[in-house]
Protein backbone atom coordinates (compact mmCIF):
# COMPACT_ATOMS: atom_id res chain seq x y z
CA UNK A 1 -10.66 16.34 -8.61
CA UNK A 2 -12.09 18.61 -6.40
CA UNK A 3 -10.62 21.99 -5.15
CA UNK A 4 -10.82 20.90 -1.63
CA UNK A 5 -7.44 18.99 -2.15
CA UNK A 6 -4.47 21.07 -1.47
CA UNK A 7 -1.46 20.17 -3.12
CA UNK A 8 2.24 20.78 -1.91
CA UNK A 9 5.72 19.59 -1.90
CA UNK A 10 8.09 18.68 1.10
CA UNK A 11 11.71 17.52 0.90
CA UNK A 12 12.82 14.88 3.35
CA UNK A 13 15.95 12.98 3.51
CA UNK A 14 17.34 14.43 0.01
CA UNK A 15 13.45 13.34 -1.26
CA UNK A 16 10.95 15.68 -2.53
CA UNK A 17 7.60 14.54 -1.89
CA UNK A 18 4.15 15.39 -3.20
CA UNK A 19 1.40 15.88 -0.80
CA UNK A 20 -2.33 16.17 -0.91
CA UNK A 21 -3.87 17.48 2.08
CA UNK A 22 -7.54 18.03 3.31
CA UNK A 23 -8.74 19.44 6.79
CA UNK A 24 -7.31 20.90 9.91
CA UNK A 25 -6.71 19.06 13.18
CA UNK A 26 -4.71 15.90 14.17
CA UNK A 27 -2.75 14.37 11.45
CA UNK A 28 -3.48 11.27 9.74
CA UNK A 29 -0.89 10.32 6.99
CA UNK A 30 -1.99 7.80 4.31
CA UNK A 31 0.49 6.11 1.96
CA UNK A 32 -0.81 3.84 -1.16
CA UNK A 33 0.15 0.99 -2.76
CA UNK A 34 0.77 -0.91 -6.06
CA UNK A 35 -0.16 0.43 -8.81
CA UNK A 36 -1.87 3.38 -7.04
CA UNK A 37 -0.96 7.02 -6.22
CA UNK A 38 -2.26 9.50 -3.47
CA UNK A 39 -5.35 9.23 -5.65
CA UNK A 40 -6.56 6.10 -4.05
CA UNK A 41 -7.42 8.14 -0.93
CA UNK A 42 -9.74 10.37 -2.75
CA UNK A 43 -12.68 9.19 -0.73
CA UNK A 44 -10.93 9.14 2.61
CA UNK A 45 -9.29 12.62 2.80
CA UNK A 46 -12.50 14.90 2.77
CA UNK A 47 -14.51 12.60 4.93
CA UNK A 48 -11.62 12.68 7.61
CA UNK A 49 -11.39 16.41 7.17
CA UNK A 50 -15.12 16.98 7.87
CA UNK A 51 -14.40 14.67 11.05
CA UNK A 52 -11.89 17.19 12.30
CA UNK A 53 -8.49 15.90 11.27
CA UNK A 54 -5.71 16.65 8.87
CA UNK A 55 -5.78 14.02 6.09
CA UNK A 56 -2.73 14.08 4.16
CA UNK A 57 -2.10 11.61 1.10
CA UNK A 58 1.57 11.15 -0.34
CA UNK A 59 2.58 10.06 -3.46
CA UNK A 60 5.02 7.09 -2.44
CA UNK A 61 8.96 7.65 -4.06
CA UNK A 62 8.43 6.40 -7.54
CA UNK A 63 5.15 7.59 -8.03
CA UNK A 64 3.42 10.62 -9.65
CA UNK A 65 5.11 13.89 -8.59
CA UNK A 66 7.25 12.60 -6.00
CA UNK A 67 10.60 12.23 -6.73
CA UNK A 68 11.73 8.73 -8.43
CA UNK A 69 15.41 7.58 -6.92
CA UNK A 70 17.85 5.81 -9.39
CA UNK A 71 18.99 3.69 -6.84
CA UNK A 72 16.78 0.67 -6.50
CA UNK A 73 17.55 0.18 -2.48
CA UNK A 74 16.26 3.72 -1.74
CA UNK A 75 12.77 2.02 -1.54
CA UNK A 76 13.23 0.00 1.39
CA UNK A 77 10.88 0.23 4.24
CA UNK A 78 13.35 1.37 6.78
CA UNK A 79 14.21 4.48 4.52
CA UNK A 80 10.76 5.31 3.65
CA UNK A 81 9.36 4.71 7.32
CA UNK A 82 12.02 7.33 7.99
CA UNK A 83 10.65 9.66 5.55
CA UNK A 84 6.99 9.57 7.06
CA UNK A 85 8.12 10.34 10.23
CA UNK A 86 10.34 13.06 8.83
CA UNK A 87 7.14 14.63 6.85
CA UNK A 88 5.22 14.73 9.97
CA UNK A 89 7.97 16.69 11.40
CA UNK A 90 8.05 19.15 8.39
CA UNK A 91 4.21 19.68 8.72
CA UNK A 92 5.14 20.59 12.53
CA UNK A 93 3.20 17.38 14.20
CA UNK A 94 5.16 15.52 17.24
CA UNK A 95 2.72 12.48 16.63
CA UNK A 96 0.26 11.27 14.16
CA UNK A 97 -1.77 8.23 12.87
CA UNK A 98 -0.26 6.07 9.85
CA UNK A 99 -2.63 4.69 7.37
CA UNK A 100 -1.52 2.35 4.54
CA UNK A 101 -3.03 0.38 1.87
CA UNK A 102 -0.94 -2.65 0.02
CA UNK A 103 2.72 -1.51 -0.22
CA UNK A 104 1.40 1.47 2.08
CA UNK A 105 0.55 -0.83 4.95
CA UNK A 106 4.11 -2.43 5.29
CA UNK A 107 5.00 1.38 5.54
CA UNK A 108 2.32 2.28 8.14
CA UNK A 109 3.44 -1.16 10.08
CA UNK A 110 6.98 -0.14 10.18
CA UNK A 111 6.31 3.34 10.86
CA UNK A 112 4.62 2.36 13.92
CA UNK A 113 7.04 -0.26 14.86
CA UNK A 114 9.84 1.99 14.61
CA UNK A 115 8.67 5.40 16.05
CA UNK A 116 6.36 4.07 18.71
CA UNK A 117 6.44 7.54 20.28
CA UNK A 118 5.49 9.30 17.28
CA UNK A 119 2.70 7.11 16.08
CA UNK A 120 -0.24 7.16 18.36
CA UNK A 121 -2.09 4.52 16.32
CA UNK A 122 -1.78 2.62 12.76
CA UNK A 123 -4.36 1.19 10.49
CA UNK A 124 -3.09 -1.18 7.66
CA UNK A 125 -5.36 -2.20 4.68
CA UNK A 126 -5.22 -5.34 2.91
CA UNK A 127 -1.53 -6.53 3.66
CA UNK A 128 -1.30 -7.92 7.25
CA UNK A 129 1.66 -7.87 9.61
CA UNK A 130 2.90 -10.75 11.12
CA UNK A 131 6.40 -9.68 12.46
CA UNK A 132 9.74 -10.78 10.62
CA UNK A 133 9.71 -14.00 8.77
CA UNK A 134 12.10 -16.60 9.69
CA UNK A 135 13.60 -16.62 6.08
CA UNK A 136 13.97 -13.92 3.42
CA UNK A 137 10.80 -13.29 1.62
CA UNK A 138 11.49 -14.63 -1.54
CA UNK A 139 12.93 -17.85 -0.48
CA UNK A 140 9.41 -18.41 0.95
CA UNK A 141 7.76 -17.69 -2.13
CA UNK A 142 10.15 -19.66 -4.38
CA UNK A 143 8.73 -22.95 -1.46
CA UNK A 144 5.34 -21.79 -1.86
CA UNK A 145 4.81 -21.34 -5.27
CA UNK A 146 7.84 -23.77 -6.81
CA UNK A 147 7.01 -23.96 -10.63
CA UNK A 148 4.21 -21.60 -10.58
CA UNK A 149 3.99 -17.97 -11.79
CA UNK A 150 3.99 -15.67 -8.92
CA UNK A 151 3.88 -11.90 -9.79
CA UNK A 152 6.32 -10.73 -6.88
CA UNK A 153 8.93 -13.38 -8.07
CA UNK A 154 8.38 -12.12 -11.63
CA UNK A 155 8.89 -8.64 -10.42
CA UNK A 156 12.52 -9.12 -9.01
CA UNK A 157 14.69 -8.58 -12.27
CA UNK A 158 14.93 -5.13 -13.20
CA UNK A 159 13.91 -4.62 -16.77
CA UNK A 160 11.66 -7.56 -17.28
CA UNK A 161 8.34 -6.29 -16.00
CA UNK A 162 8.77 -2.80 -17.02
CA UNK A 163 8.98 -3.80 -20.73
CA UNK A 164 5.86 -6.19 -20.52
CA UNK A 165 3.55 -3.72 -18.31
CA UNK A 166 4.85 -0.34 -20.14
CA UNK A 167 3.70 -1.61 -23.64
CA UNK A 168 0.05 -1.54 -22.77
CA UNK A 169 -0.50 0.45 -19.44
CA UNK A 170 -4.13 0.44 -19.67
CA UNK A 171 -4.38 -3.27 -20.21
CA UNK A 172 -1.91 -3.84 -17.02
CA UNK A 173 -4.02 -1.62 -15.21
CA UNK A 174 -7.32 -2.92 -16.07
CA UNK A 175 -6.12 -6.74 -15.63
CA UNK A 176 -4.28 -5.98 -12.43
CA UNK A 177 -7.19 -4.37 -10.84
CA UNK A 178 -9.58 -6.51 -12.03
CA UNK A 179 -7.71 -9.87 -10.98
CA UNK A 180 -7.95 -9.10 -7.19
CA UNK A 181 -11.47 -6.80 -7.28
CA UNK A 182 -14.64 -8.40 -5.91
CA UNK A 183 -15.41 -9.11 -9.80
CA UNK A 184 -12.28 -10.86 -10.00
CA UNK A 185 -13.73 -13.62 -7.51
CA UNK A 186 -10.11 -14.79 -6.40
CA UNK A 187 -8.74 -14.97 -9.61
CA UNK A 188 -5.49 -13.35 -8.76
CA UNK A 189 -4.68 -17.01 -7.93
CA UNK A 190 -2.25 -17.96 -11.04
CA UNK A 191 -0.64 -21.09 -9.75
CA UNK A 192 -2.01 -22.74 -12.81
CA UNK A 193 0.49 -20.81 -14.78
CA UNK A 194 3.88 -21.66 -15.20
CA UNK A 195 6.97 -19.89 -13.48
CA UNK A 196 8.44 -19.09 -16.97
CA UNK A 197 5.33 -17.20 -17.96
CA UNK A 198 4.47 -13.29 -18.02
CA UNK A 199 2.24 -11.20 -16.05
CA UNK A 200 -0.43 -10.93 -19.16
CA UNK A 201 -0.20 -14.85 -19.53
CA UNK A 202 -1.23 -15.19 -15.90
CA UNK A 203 -3.88 -12.45 -15.69
CA UNK A 204 -6.02 -12.60 -18.84
CA UNK A 205 -7.76 -9.30 -19.94
CA UNK A 206 -11.03 -8.64 -18.63
CA UNK A 207 -12.24 -5.89 -21.23
CA UNK A 208 -13.84 -3.90 -19.07
CA UNK A 209 -12.96 -1.93 -15.58
CA UNK A 210 -14.13 -2.97 -12.29
CA UNK A 211 -16.88 -1.32 -10.86
CA UNK A 212 -15.16 0.59 -8.19
CA UNK A 213 -13.28 2.93 -10.71
CA UNK A 214 -14.90 4.83 -13.56
CA UNK A 215 -13.22 5.77 -16.79
CA UNK A 216 -12.56 9.22 -15.94
CA UNK A 217 -10.65 8.05 -12.09
CA UNK A 218 -9.13 5.39 -14.32
CA UNK A 219 -7.59 8.03 -16.75
CA UNK A 220 -5.54 9.56 -13.85
CA UNK A 221 -4.00 6.24 -13.38
CA UNK A 222 -3.46 5.65 -16.95
CA UNK A 223 -1.44 9.26 -17.16
CA UNK A 224 0.35 8.93 -14.33
CA UNK A 225 1.98 5.77 -15.30
CA UNK A 226 2.38 6.43 -18.66
CA UNK A 227 4.28 9.64 -18.02
CA UNK A 228 6.37 7.87 -14.95
CA UNK A 229 6.55 4.49 -16.02
CA UNK A 230 6.94 1.69 -13.59
CA UNK A 231 10.31 1.35 -12.50
CA UNK A 232 10.21 3.03 -9.36
CA UNK A 233 6.75 1.34 -8.23
CA UNK A 234 8.30 -2.13 -9.20
CA UNK A 235 11.48 -1.31 -6.80
CA UNK A 236 9.10 -1.71 -3.89
CA UNK A 237 9.33 -5.35 -4.77
CA UNK A 238 12.74 -5.78 -5.44
CA UNK A 239 13.41 -4.71 -1.79
CA UNK A 240 11.69 -7.80 -0.23
CA UNK A 241 14.46 -9.47 0.96
CA UNK A 242 16.38 -6.09 1.81
CA UNK A 243 13.39 -5.21 4.04
CA UNK A 244 13.95 -8.38 5.85
CA UNK A 245 17.79 -8.07 6.40
CA UNK A 246 17.21 -4.45 7.58
CA UNK A 247 14.87 -5.35 10.02
CA UNK A 248 16.79 -8.00 11.93
CA UNK A 249 16.74 -5.48 14.88
CA UNK A 250 13.28 -5.58 15.24
CA UNK A 251 12.39 -9.06 14.92
CA UNK A 252 11.21 -9.36 18.61
CA UNK A 253 9.48 -6.33 18.54
CA UNK A 254 5.50 -5.84 18.47
CA UNK A 255 3.72 -2.63 17.63
CA UNK A 256 2.26 -1.63 20.91
CA UNK A 257 -0.19 0.90 19.69
CA UNK A 258 -3.83 0.81 19.15
CA UNK A 259 -3.78 -0.89 15.69
CA UNK A 260 -6.45 -1.56 13.02
CA UNK A 261 -6.78 -4.13 10.30
CA UNK A 262 -9.01 -3.80 7.34
CA UNK A 263 -9.64 -6.40 4.54
CA UNK A 264 -12.13 -7.67 1.96
CA UNK A 265 -13.92 -10.86 1.97
CA UNK A 266 -12.95 -11.60 -1.60
CA UNK A 267 -9.35 -10.70 -1.47
CA UNK A 268 -7.11 -13.59 -1.81
CA UNK A 269 -3.64 -11.63 -0.88
CA UNK A 270 -3.83 -11.38 3.09
CA UNK A 271 -4.10 -15.03 2.90
CA UNK A 272 -0.45 -15.38 1.15
CA UNK A 273 1.81 -16.51 3.62
CA UNK A 274 1.31 -16.88 7.22
CA UNK A 275 1.12 -13.40 8.53
CA UNK A 276 -2.33 -12.91 8.86
CA UNK A 277 -2.48 -15.90 11.32
CA UNK A 278 0.59 -14.29 13.37
CA UNK A 279 -0.95 -10.87 13.53
CA UNK A 280 -2.19 -10.84 17.32
CA UNK A 281 1.37 -11.89 18.22
CA UNK A 282 2.83 -8.77 16.75
CA UNK A 283 -0.03 -6.30 17.45
CA UNK A 284 -1.37 -7.01 20.57
CA UNK A 285 -3.86 -3.88 20.71
CA UNK A 286 -5.08 -5.01 17.19
CA UNK A 287 -8.94 -4.83 15.93
CA UNK A 288 -9.57 -6.33 12.53
CA UNK A 289 -12.67 -5.56 10.23
CA UNK A 290 -13.92 -7.79 7.53
CA UNK A 291 -15.42 -5.90 4.89
CA UNK A 292 -18.06 -7.57 2.82
CA UNK A 293 -18.40 -7.53 -1.07
CA UNK A 294 -14.97 -6.37 -1.20
CA UNK A 295 -11.59 -7.49 -3.01
CA UNK A 296 -8.08 -6.10 -2.50
CA UNK A 297 -8.72 -2.35 -3.52
CA UNK A 298 -10.35 -1.78 -0.18
CA UNK A 299 -10.60 2.17 0.41
CA UNK A 300 -11.58 2.25 -3.42
CA UNK A 301 -14.17 -0.63 -3.35
CA UNK A 302 -15.98 0.00 -0.31
CA UNK A 303 -15.15 3.74 0.57
CA UNK A 304 -18.01 4.74 2.86
CA UNK A 305 -17.46 1.36 5.06
CA UNK A 306 -13.82 2.11 5.07
CA UNK A 307 -14.50 5.38 6.16
CA UNK A 308 -16.71 4.59 8.80
CA UNK A 309 -14.24 2.18 10.42
CA UNK A 310 -11.41 4.71 10.11
CA UNK A 311 -13.43 7.57 11.57
CA UNK A 312 -14.86 5.28 14.66
CA UNK A 313 -11.26 4.20 15.23
CA UNK A 314 -9.84 7.45 15.23
CA UNK A 315 -12.71 8.60 17.66
CA UNK A 316 -11.66 6.16 20.15
CA UNK A 317 -8.29 7.04 20.82
CA UNK A 318 -6.65 8.57 23.82
CA UNK A 319 -6.68 12.64 22.89
């Protein structure tokens, strides 16, 4: 952990957020995914600060030092995108760029969609945006995976996944990271396992960490999740259908700002469902970059490439 990171707290919409900041200049707001934290942006914050930006990463609700609401519905994307705009307000910015990975990508896409006058550009990594689906997401997943195990459906019932994953946090993180990293080579495909199985049945223990993360870095995550548990992080999945219901008024809207999508060539997740194929319709000013030798953990697996694409994208935006 470097002393260049400035830690602070902001309360917006009755929720206390932990922020980590580097640099000064136009605001770039980073939102992370599952199972991660602000720390997943540790390689981006200093690089953007050096390039002349105020780079701010948040611990999302349920994670790290940010509040962990008891009400599962508080983790919906409408509420959280409201929080992102409010954080920018509290930091004194009328406009900002929203950058997100994994679950942070829907936050970035929704913030850009809902606040077109505030978000001047948007970057999503690993999770594409294809507009609102015709049916609730869990219905689509049940049709797609039928009798096969799918982790998002497994995560739906409160308490079930928590009991399994919290029983061995290091094993959970090791398996989850590995399965969709470049070493996993698409091993995230669990369709050969029955729907009645548990996550550890579907994701074998690799016995080692993927190359993108050191033992010291993994210790940071292990400590965070051991201390805080996984109820909050899992609640994002329990809002899949609620997000769909709350977004009805945006079903015909598009993200009109300049947008960038980064994804790894060994990441199977962008191709689950049809969102990737619909991206150009929903994001008319989209630039897409495929990152070679990269799995799902984009900014951690290939930080220098991600930084280069990010800075190039930011520098070509209107001043």
